[in-house]
């Protein structure tokens, strides 16, 4: 299915580009999140007219993402979780939990879908987590998992 991108999407394309993607990806993600339009003749003409405005909006989003990145990049956040004697967690630290911690400490609203742990956090210690704020701006934080108490 051919769609026209309304914003820069990482590993997909840039504003105004006409790309061919799978139907489900187009409908469920790109079009549902206002990142693209169906590539009809009318839409192509419309996007050509508003391409400059779209680029300006994208630059504003990028600047906003850069501000957030400056605030949280390379910061360390602590989490207390129940653990076993061999330093394994009961469950894991989820992106929703990480976003709540960042919001409580820095008052920065980050969607859990932006948070990508390098590997699942299932043990005590420090873990690097990548946060994708914009197609061109990433931040990296460290989640320090401490033991709340040990259960025998």
N, C-alpha and C. Protein backbone atom coordinates (compact mmCIF):
# COMPACT_ATOMS: atom_id res chain seq x y z
N UNK A 1 0.84 -1.17 0.00
CA UNK A 1 0.00 0.00 0.00
C UNK A 1 0.89 1.24 0.00
N UNK A 2 0.59 2.18 -0.87
CA UNK A 2 1.38 3.41 -0.96
C UNK A 2 0.79 4.48 -0.04
N UNK A 3 1.70 5.10 0.75
CA UNK A 3 1.31 6.19 1.65
C UNK A 3 2.31 7.34 1.51
N UNK A 4 1.86 8.54 1.91
CA UNK A 4 2.72 9.72 1.93
C UNK A 4 3.00 10.04 3.39
N UNK A 5 4.27 10.17 3.73
CA UNK A 5 4.64 10.45 5.11
C UNK A 5 4.41 11.92 5.46
N UNK A 6 3.81 12.15 6.62
CA UNK A 6 3.56 13.50 7.10
C UNK A 6 4.62 13.94 8.11
N UNK A 7 5.48 13.02 8.54
CA UNK A 7 6.59 13.36 9.42
C UNK A 7 7.71 12.36 9.21
N UNK A 8 8.89 12.70 9.70
CA UNK A 8 10.03 11.79 9.58
C UNK A 8 9.80 10.60 10.50
N UNK A 9 9.91 9.40 9.95
CA UNK A 9 9.74 8.18 10.72
C UNK A 9 11.03 7.37 10.62
N UNK A 10 11.59 7.04 11.77
CA UNK A 10 12.88 6.34 11.82
C UNK A 10 12.84 5.05 11.01
N UNK A 11 13.84 4.83 10.19
CA UNK A 11 14.02 3.65 9.34
C UNK A 11 12.92 3.46 8.29
N UNK A 12 12.05 4.48 8.11
CA UNK A 12 10.97 4.35 7.13
C UNK A 12 11.15 5.38 6.02
N UNK A 13 11.23 6.66 6.39
CA UNK A 13 11.38 7.71 5.39
C UNK A 13 11.20 9.10 5.99
N UNK A 14 11.20 10.11 5.12
CA UNK A 14 11.09 11.49 5.59
C UNK A 14 9.81 12.14 5.06
N UNK A 15 9.56 13.35 5.51
CA UNK A 15 8.34 14.09 5.18
C UNK A 15 8.12 14.19 3.67
N UNK A 16 6.88 13.93 3.25
CA UNK A 16 6.50 14.07 1.85
C UNK A 16 6.89 12.90 0.97
N UNK A 17 7.62 11.96 1.50
CA UNK A 17 8.06 10.81 0.73
C UNK A 17 6.91 9.82 0.53
N UNK A 18 6.80 9.29 -0.67
CA UNK A 18 5.78 8.28 -0.96
C UNK A 18 6.46 6.92 -0.84
N UNK A 19 5.96 6.10 0.09
CA UNK A 19 6.58 4.81 0.34
C UNK A 19 5.55 3.69 0.20
N UNK A 20 6.05 2.50 0.01
CA UNK A 20 5.20 1.32 -0.11
C UNK A 20 5.39 0.48 1.15
N UNK A 21 4.33 0.32 1.93
CA UNK A 21 4.40 -0.46 3.17
C UNK A 21 3.26 -1.47 3.20
N UNK A 22 3.34 -2.39 4.13
CA UNK A 22 2.27 -3.39 4.28
C UNK A 22 1.00 -2.71 4.76
N UNK A 23 -0.13 -3.23 4.33
CA UNK A 23 -1.44 -2.68 4.64
C UNK A 23 -1.68 -2.46 6.14
N UNK A 24 -1.38 -3.47 6.94
CA UNK A 24 -1.62 -3.40 8.38
C UNK A 24 -0.78 -2.32 9.03
N UNK A 25 0.50 -2.22 8.62
CA UNK A 25 1.39 -1.20 9.18
C UNK A 25 0.88 0.19 8.82
N UNK A 26 0.41 0.35 7.58
CA UNK A 26 -0.11 1.65 7.15
C UNK A 26 -1.36 2.02 7.94
N UNK A 27 -2.32 1.11 8.00
CA UNK A 27 -3.59 1.41 8.68
C UNK A 27 -3.45 1.53 10.18
N UNK A 28 -2.78 0.55 10.79
CA UNK A 28 -2.76 0.47 12.25
C UNK A 28 -1.74 1.39 12.92
N UNK A 29 -0.70 1.78 12.19
CA UNK A 29 0.31 2.62 12.82
C UNK A 29 0.44 3.98 12.15
N UNK A 30 0.83 3.99 10.88
CA UNK A 30 1.12 5.26 10.22
C UNK A 30 -0.10 6.17 10.11
N UNK A 31 -1.20 5.66 9.60
CA UNK A 31 -2.39 6.49 9.41
C UNK A 31 -3.09 6.74 10.74
N UNK A 32 -3.15 5.72 11.61
CA UNK A 32 -3.81 5.87 12.92
C UNK A 32 -3.12 6.92 13.78
N UNK A 33 -1.79 7.07 13.65
CA UNK A 33 -1.04 8.04 14.46
C UNK A 33 -0.75 9.32 13.70
N UNK A 34 -1.47 9.56 12.61
CA UNK A 34 -1.32 10.76 11.78
C UNK A 34 0.13 10.97 11.31
N UNK A 35 0.78 9.88 10.98
CA UNK A 35 2.14 9.97 10.46
C UNK A 35 2.14 9.86 8.93
N UNK A 36 1.00 9.47 8.36
CA UNK A 36 0.93 9.29 6.91
C UNK A 36 -0.51 9.42 6.41
N UNK A 37 -0.65 9.59 5.10
CA UNK A 37 -1.94 9.61 4.41
C UNK A 37 -1.89 8.61 3.26
N UNK A 38 -3.07 8.12 2.84
CA UNK A 38 -3.11 7.29 1.64
C UNK A 38 -2.57 8.10 0.47
N UNK A 39 -1.85 7.47 -0.43
CA UNK A 39 -1.22 8.18 -1.55
C UNK A 39 -2.18 8.34 -2.73
N UNK A 40 -3.26 9.08 -2.52
CA UNK A 40 -4.16 9.39 -3.64
C UNK A 40 -3.65 10.66 -4.32
N UNK A 41 -4.16 10.96 -5.53
CA UNK A 41 -3.70 12.15 -6.26
C UNK A 41 -3.98 13.42 -5.47
N UNK A 42 -5.17 13.48 -4.83
CA UNK A 42 -5.53 14.67 -4.05
C UNK A 42 -4.59 14.84 -2.86
N UNK A 43 -4.31 13.74 -2.17
CA UNK A 43 -3.43 13.81 -1.00
C UNK A 43 -2.01 14.20 -1.39
N UNK A 44 -1.54 13.72 -2.54
CA UNK A 44 -0.19 14.07 -2.99
C UNK A 44 -0.10 15.57 -3.24
N UNK A 45 -1.11 16.14 -3.90
CA UNK A 45 -1.13 17.59 -4.14
C UNK A 45 -1.20 18.36 -2.83
N UNK A 46 -2.02 17.89 -1.91
CA UNK A 46 -2.18 18.55 -0.60
C UNK A 46 -0.87 18.55 0.19
N UNK A 47 -0.19 17.43 0.19
CA UNK A 47 1.08 17.31 0.93
C UNK A 47 2.14 18.22 0.32
N UNK A 48 2.15 18.33 -1.02
CA UNK A 48 3.11 19.22 -1.67
C UNK A 48 2.90 20.66 -1.20
N UNK A 49 1.63 21.06 -1.01
CA UNK A 49 1.32 22.43 -0.56
C UNK A 49 1.78 22.65 0.88
N UNK A 50 1.56 21.66 1.75
CA UNK A 50 1.84 21.87 3.17
C UNK A 50 3.18 21.29 3.63
N UNK A 51 4.03 20.91 2.68
CA UNK A 51 5.32 20.28 3.01
C UNK A 51 6.18 21.20 3.88
N UNK A 52 6.20 22.48 3.60
CA UNK A 52 7.02 23.43 4.36
C UNK A 52 6.52 23.51 5.81
N UNK A 53 5.18 23.58 5.98
CA UNK A 53 4.61 23.61 7.34
C UNK A 53 4.94 22.33 8.10
N UNK A 54 4.85 21.19 7.41
CA UNK A 54 5.16 19.91 8.05
C UNK A 54 6.62 19.87 8.49
N UNK A 55 7.51 20.37 7.65
CA UNK A 55 8.93 20.39 8.01
C UNK A 55 9.17 21.28 9.22
N UNK A 56 8.45 22.41 9.27
CA UNK A 56 8.58 23.34 10.41
C UNK A 56 8.09 22.68 11.70
N UNK A 57 6.94 21.98 11.62
CA UNK A 57 6.40 21.28 12.78
C UNK A 57 7.36 20.18 13.24
N UNK A 58 7.95 19.47 12.27
CA UNK A 58 8.89 18.41 12.61
C UNK A 58 10.13 18.98 13.31
N UNK A 59 10.60 20.14 12.85
CA UNK A 59 11.74 20.78 13.50
C UNK A 59 11.40 21.20 14.92
N UNK A 60 10.15 21.66 15.14
CA UNK A 60 9.71 22.03 16.49
C UNK A 60 9.68 20.79 17.39
N UNK A 61 9.15 19.67 16.86
CA UNK A 61 9.12 18.42 17.63
C UNK A 61 10.53 17.96 17.95
N UNK A 62 11.44 18.13 16.99
CA UNK A 62 12.83 17.73 17.19
C UNK A 62 13.48 18.59 18.28
N UNK A 63 13.20 19.90 18.27
CA UNK A 63 13.76 20.80 19.29
C UNK A 63 13.23 20.44 20.67
N UNK A 64 11.93 20.12 20.73
CA UNK A 64 11.30 19.70 22.00
C UNK A 64 11.95 18.40 22.51
N UNK A 65 12.15 17.46 21.59
CA UNK A 65 12.78 16.18 21.95
C UNK A 65 14.21 16.41 22.43
N UNK A 66 14.91 17.37 21.82
CA UNK A 66 16.29 17.67 22.21
C UNK A 66 16.33 18.24 23.63
N UNK A 67 15.34 19.09 23.97
CA UNK A 67 15.26 19.65 25.33
C UNK A 67 15.08 18.53 26.35
N UNK A 68 14.16 17.61 26.04
CA UNK A 68 13.90 16.47 26.94
C UNK A 68 15.16 15.62 27.06
N UNK A 69 15.84 15.40 25.94
CA UNK A 69 17.07 14.61 25.95
C UNK A 69 18.13 15.26 26.83
N UNK A 70 18.25 16.59 26.75
CA UNK A 70 19.23 17.30 27.59
C UNK A 70 18.92 17.11 29.07
N UNK A 71 17.63 17.03 29.41
CA UNK A 71 17.23 16.87 30.81
C UNK A 71 17.55 15.46 31.33
N UNK A 72 17.19 14.44 30.54
CA UNK A 72 17.26 13.07 31.08
C UNK A 72 18.45 12.25 30.61
N UNK A 73 19.17 12.67 29.57
CA UNK A 73 20.25 11.86 29.01
C UNK A 73 21.34 11.57 30.04
N UNK A 74 21.75 10.31 30.12
CA UNK A 74 22.80 9.81 31.01
C UNK A 74 22.48 9.97 32.50
N UNK A 75 21.22 10.16 32.84
CA UNK A 75 20.83 10.23 34.26
C UNK A 75 20.61 8.82 34.77
N UNK A 76 20.67 8.69 36.10
CA UNK A 76 20.46 7.39 36.72
C UNK A 76 19.20 7.45 37.58
N UNK A 77 18.35 6.47 37.41
CA UNK A 77 17.10 6.38 38.17
C UNK A 77 17.10 5.08 38.96
N UNK A 78 16.66 5.15 40.22
CA UNK A 78 16.64 3.95 41.07
C UNK A 78 15.25 3.36 41.16
N UNK A 79 15.20 2.04 41.19
CA UNK A 79 13.95 1.30 41.32
C UNK A 79 14.16 0.26 42.41
N UNK A 80 13.18 0.12 43.30
CA UNK A 80 13.25 -0.93 44.31
C UNK A 80 12.26 -2.02 43.93
N UNK A 81 12.77 -3.26 43.85
CA UNK A 81 11.94 -4.41 43.48
C UNK A 81 12.25 -5.58 44.41
N UNK A 82 11.27 -6.45 44.58
CA UNK A 82 11.48 -7.67 45.35
C UNK A 82 12.41 -8.60 44.57
N UNK A 83 13.35 -9.25 45.31
CA UNK A 83 14.29 -10.12 44.61
C UNK A 83 14.57 -11.38 45.42
N UNK A 84 15.14 -12.35 44.75
CA UNK A 84 15.53 -13.60 45.40
C UNK A 84 16.96 -13.47 45.94
N UNK A 85 17.47 -14.51 46.59
CA UNK A 85 18.83 -14.47 47.12
C UNK A 85 19.88 -14.34 46.02
N UNK A 86 19.61 -14.90 44.85
CA UNK A 86 20.58 -14.83 43.77
C UNK A 86 20.35 -13.64 42.84
N UNK A 87 19.86 -12.54 43.41
CA UNK A 87 19.72 -11.24 42.74
C UNK A 87 18.83 -11.22 41.50
N UNK A 88 17.88 -12.14 41.42
CA UNK A 88 16.93 -12.12 40.32
C UNK A 88 15.63 -11.50 40.83
N UNK A 89 14.95 -10.79 39.94
CA UNK A 89 13.71 -10.11 40.33
C UNK A 89 12.51 -11.03 40.17
N UNK A 90 11.49 -10.78 40.98
CA UNK A 90 10.19 -11.42 40.76
C UNK A 90 9.50 -10.54 39.72
N UNK A 91 9.44 -11.00 38.48
CA UNK A 91 8.92 -10.17 37.40
C UNK A 91 10.06 -9.40 36.77
N UNK A 92 9.75 -8.22 36.22
CA UNK A 92 10.78 -7.40 35.60
C UNK A 92 10.38 -5.93 35.70
N UNK A 93 11.31 -5.05 35.33
CA UNK A 93 11.02 -3.61 35.32
C UNK A 93 10.50 -3.28 33.93
N UNK A 94 9.25 -2.81 33.85
CA UNK A 94 8.58 -2.55 32.58
C UNK A 94 8.74 -1.08 32.16
N UNK A 95 8.60 -0.80 30.85
CA UNK A 95 8.69 0.58 30.37
C UNK A 95 7.69 1.54 31.05
N UNK A 96 6.49 1.06 31.40
CA UNK A 96 5.52 1.93 32.08
C UNK A 96 6.06 2.39 33.43
N UNK A 97 6.72 1.48 34.12
CA UNK A 97 7.32 1.80 35.42
C UNK A 97 8.44 2.82 35.27
N UNK A 98 9.25 2.65 34.23
CA UNK A 98 10.36 3.57 33.97
C UNK A 98 9.82 4.96 33.64
N UNK A 99 8.76 5.03 32.82
CA UNK A 99 8.21 6.34 32.45
C UNK A 99 7.63 7.05 33.67
N UNK A 100 7.01 6.30 34.60
CA UNK A 100 6.48 6.90 35.83
C UNK A 100 7.60 7.47 36.69
N UNK A 101 8.70 6.74 36.81
CA UNK A 101 9.84 7.20 37.61
C UNK A 101 10.42 8.48 37.03
N UNK A 102 10.60 8.52 35.71
CA UNK A 102 11.15 9.71 35.06
C UNK A 102 10.21 10.89 35.26
N UNK A 103 8.89 10.64 35.17
CA UNK A 103 7.93 11.73 35.35
C UNK A 103 7.97 12.25 36.79
N UNK A 104 8.05 11.35 37.77
CA UNK A 104 8.09 11.76 39.18
C UNK A 104 9.32 12.60 39.49
N UNK A 105 10.46 12.23 38.94
CA UNK A 105 11.71 12.92 39.26
C UNK A 105 11.90 14.18 38.43
N UNK A 106 11.73 14.09 37.10
CA UNK A 106 12.02 15.22 36.21
C UNK A 106 10.81 15.94 35.65
N UNK A 107 9.59 15.46 35.96
CA UNK A 107 8.36 16.05 35.42
C UNK A 107 8.38 16.09 33.89
N UNK A 108 8.96 15.05 33.28
CA UNK A 108 9.01 14.92 31.82
C UNK A 108 8.13 13.74 31.44
N UNK A 109 7.15 13.98 30.58
CA UNK A 109 6.21 12.94 30.18
C UNK A 109 6.77 12.15 29.00
N UNK A 110 7.07 10.88 29.24
CA UNK A 110 7.60 10.00 28.20
C UNK A 110 6.67 8.81 28.06
N UNK A 111 6.25 8.55 26.83
CA UNK A 111 5.36 7.41 26.60
C UNK A 111 6.16 6.10 26.75
N UNK A 112 5.54 5.08 27.36
CA UNK A 112 6.23 3.79 27.50
C UNK A 112 6.69 3.20 26.17
N UNK A 113 5.99 3.51 25.07
CA UNK A 113 6.38 2.97 23.76
C UNK A 113 7.71 3.55 23.28
N UNK A 114 8.14 4.69 23.83
CA UNK A 114 9.41 5.30 23.45
C UNK A 114 10.60 4.61 24.13
N UNK A 115 10.31 3.88 25.20
CA UNK A 115 11.36 3.27 26.02
C UNK A 115 11.70 1.88 25.51
N UNK A 116 13.00 1.68 25.22
CA UNK A 116 13.45 0.39 24.70
C UNK A 116 14.62 -0.12 25.52
N UNK A 117 14.34 -0.99 26.51
CA UNK A 117 15.46 -1.57 27.25
C UNK A 117 16.33 -2.40 26.31
N UNK A 118 17.64 -2.34 26.50
CA UNK A 118 18.56 -3.10 25.64
C UNK A 118 18.29 -4.59 25.79
N UNK A 119 18.10 -5.03 27.04
CA UNK A 119 17.58 -6.38 27.27
C UNK A 119 16.63 -6.28 28.46
N UNK A 120 15.75 -7.26 28.61
CA UNK A 120 14.74 -7.21 29.66
C UNK A 120 15.40 -7.11 31.04
N UNK A 121 14.88 -6.21 31.87
CA UNK A 121 15.47 -5.97 33.19
C UNK A 121 14.86 -6.95 34.18
N UNK A 122 15.63 -8.03 34.50
CA UNK A 122 15.13 -9.08 35.38
C UNK A 122 16.07 -9.37 36.53
N UNK A 123 17.09 -8.51 36.73
CA UNK A 123 18.03 -8.74 37.83
C UNK A 123 18.43 -7.41 38.46
N UNK A 124 19.02 -7.51 39.65
CA UNK A 124 19.49 -6.32 40.34
C UNK A 124 20.71 -5.75 39.61
N UNK A 125 20.97 -4.45 39.82
CA UNK A 125 22.14 -3.82 39.22
C UNK A 125 21.74 -2.69 38.28
N UNK A 126 22.72 -2.22 37.52
CA UNK A 126 22.50 -1.10 36.60
C UNK A 126 22.24 -1.61 35.19
N UNK A 127 21.22 -1.03 34.57
CA UNK A 127 20.84 -1.44 33.21
C UNK A 127 20.67 -0.20 32.35
N UNK A 128 21.23 -0.24 31.13
CA UNK A 128 21.07 0.88 30.20
C UNK A 128 19.74 0.73 29.47
N UNK A 129 19.06 1.88 29.30
CA UNK A 129 17.78 1.90 28.61
C UNK A 129 17.80 3.03 27.59
N UNK A 130 17.45 2.71 26.34
CA UNK A 130 17.41 3.71 25.28
C UNK A 130 16.00 4.28 25.18
N UNK A 131 15.91 5.60 25.04
CA UNK A 131 14.62 6.26 24.88
C UNK A 131 14.62 6.99 23.55
N UNK A 132 13.71 6.60 22.67
CA UNK A 132 13.60 7.21 21.34
C UNK A 132 12.60 8.36 21.41
N UNK A 133 13.10 9.59 21.48
CA UNK A 133 12.25 10.77 21.64
C UNK A 133 11.74 11.32 20.31
N UNK A 134 12.51 11.11 19.25
CA UNK A 134 12.18 11.63 17.92
C UNK A 134 12.96 10.75 16.94
N UNK A 135 12.61 10.81 15.67
CA UNK A 135 13.32 9.97 14.71
C UNK A 135 14.82 10.30 14.65
N UNK A 136 15.21 11.51 15.10
CA UNK A 136 16.61 11.89 15.06
C UNK A 136 17.22 12.11 16.45
N UNK A 137 16.42 11.98 17.51
CA UNK A 137 16.91 12.26 18.87
C UNK A 137 16.65 11.07 19.79
N UNK A 138 17.73 10.54 20.36
CA UNK A 138 17.63 9.46 21.34
C UNK A 138 18.29 9.90 22.64
N UNK A 139 17.85 9.32 23.72
CA UNK A 139 18.49 9.55 25.02
C UNK A 139 18.77 8.19 25.63
N UNK A 140 19.74 8.15 26.53
CA UNK A 140 20.06 6.90 27.21
C UNK A 140 20.08 7.16 28.71
N UNK A 141 19.33 6.36 29.46
CA UNK A 141 19.31 6.49 30.92
C UNK A 141 19.77 5.17 31.53
N UNK A 142 20.15 5.25 32.80
CA UNK A 142 20.56 4.06 33.51
C UNK A 142 19.55 3.78 34.61
N UNK A 143 19.03 2.57 34.64
CA UNK A 143 18.08 2.16 35.67
C UNK A 143 18.85 1.30 36.67
N UNK A 144 18.92 1.80 37.90
CA UNK A 144 19.63 1.09 38.96
C UNK A 144 18.59 0.33 39.79
N UNK A 145 18.57 -0.98 39.69
CA UNK A 145 17.58 -1.80 40.38
C UNK A 145 18.17 -2.27 41.71
N UNK A 146 17.50 -1.86 42.81
CA UNK A 146 17.91 -2.25 44.15
C UNK A 146 16.89 -3.21 44.73
N UNK A 147 17.30 -3.96 45.73
CA UNK A 147 16.40 -4.91 46.37
C UNK A 147 15.55 -4.20 47.43
N UNK A 148 14.23 -4.38 47.34
CA UNK A 148 13.34 -3.82 48.35
C UNK A 148 13.45 -4.66 49.61
N UNK A 149 13.32 -5.94 49.46
CA UNK A 149 13.54 -6.91 50.55
C UNK A 149 13.64 -8.28 49.91
N UNK A 150 14.25 -9.19 50.60
CA UNK A 150 14.44 -10.54 50.07
C UNK A 150 13.39 -11.49 50.64
N UNK A 151 12.79 -12.28 49.77
CA UNK A 151 11.80 -13.25 50.22
C UNK A 151 12.42 -14.64 50.14
N UNK A 152 12.32 -15.42 51.22
CA UNK A 152 12.89 -16.77 51.23
C UNK A 152 11.87 -17.77 50.75
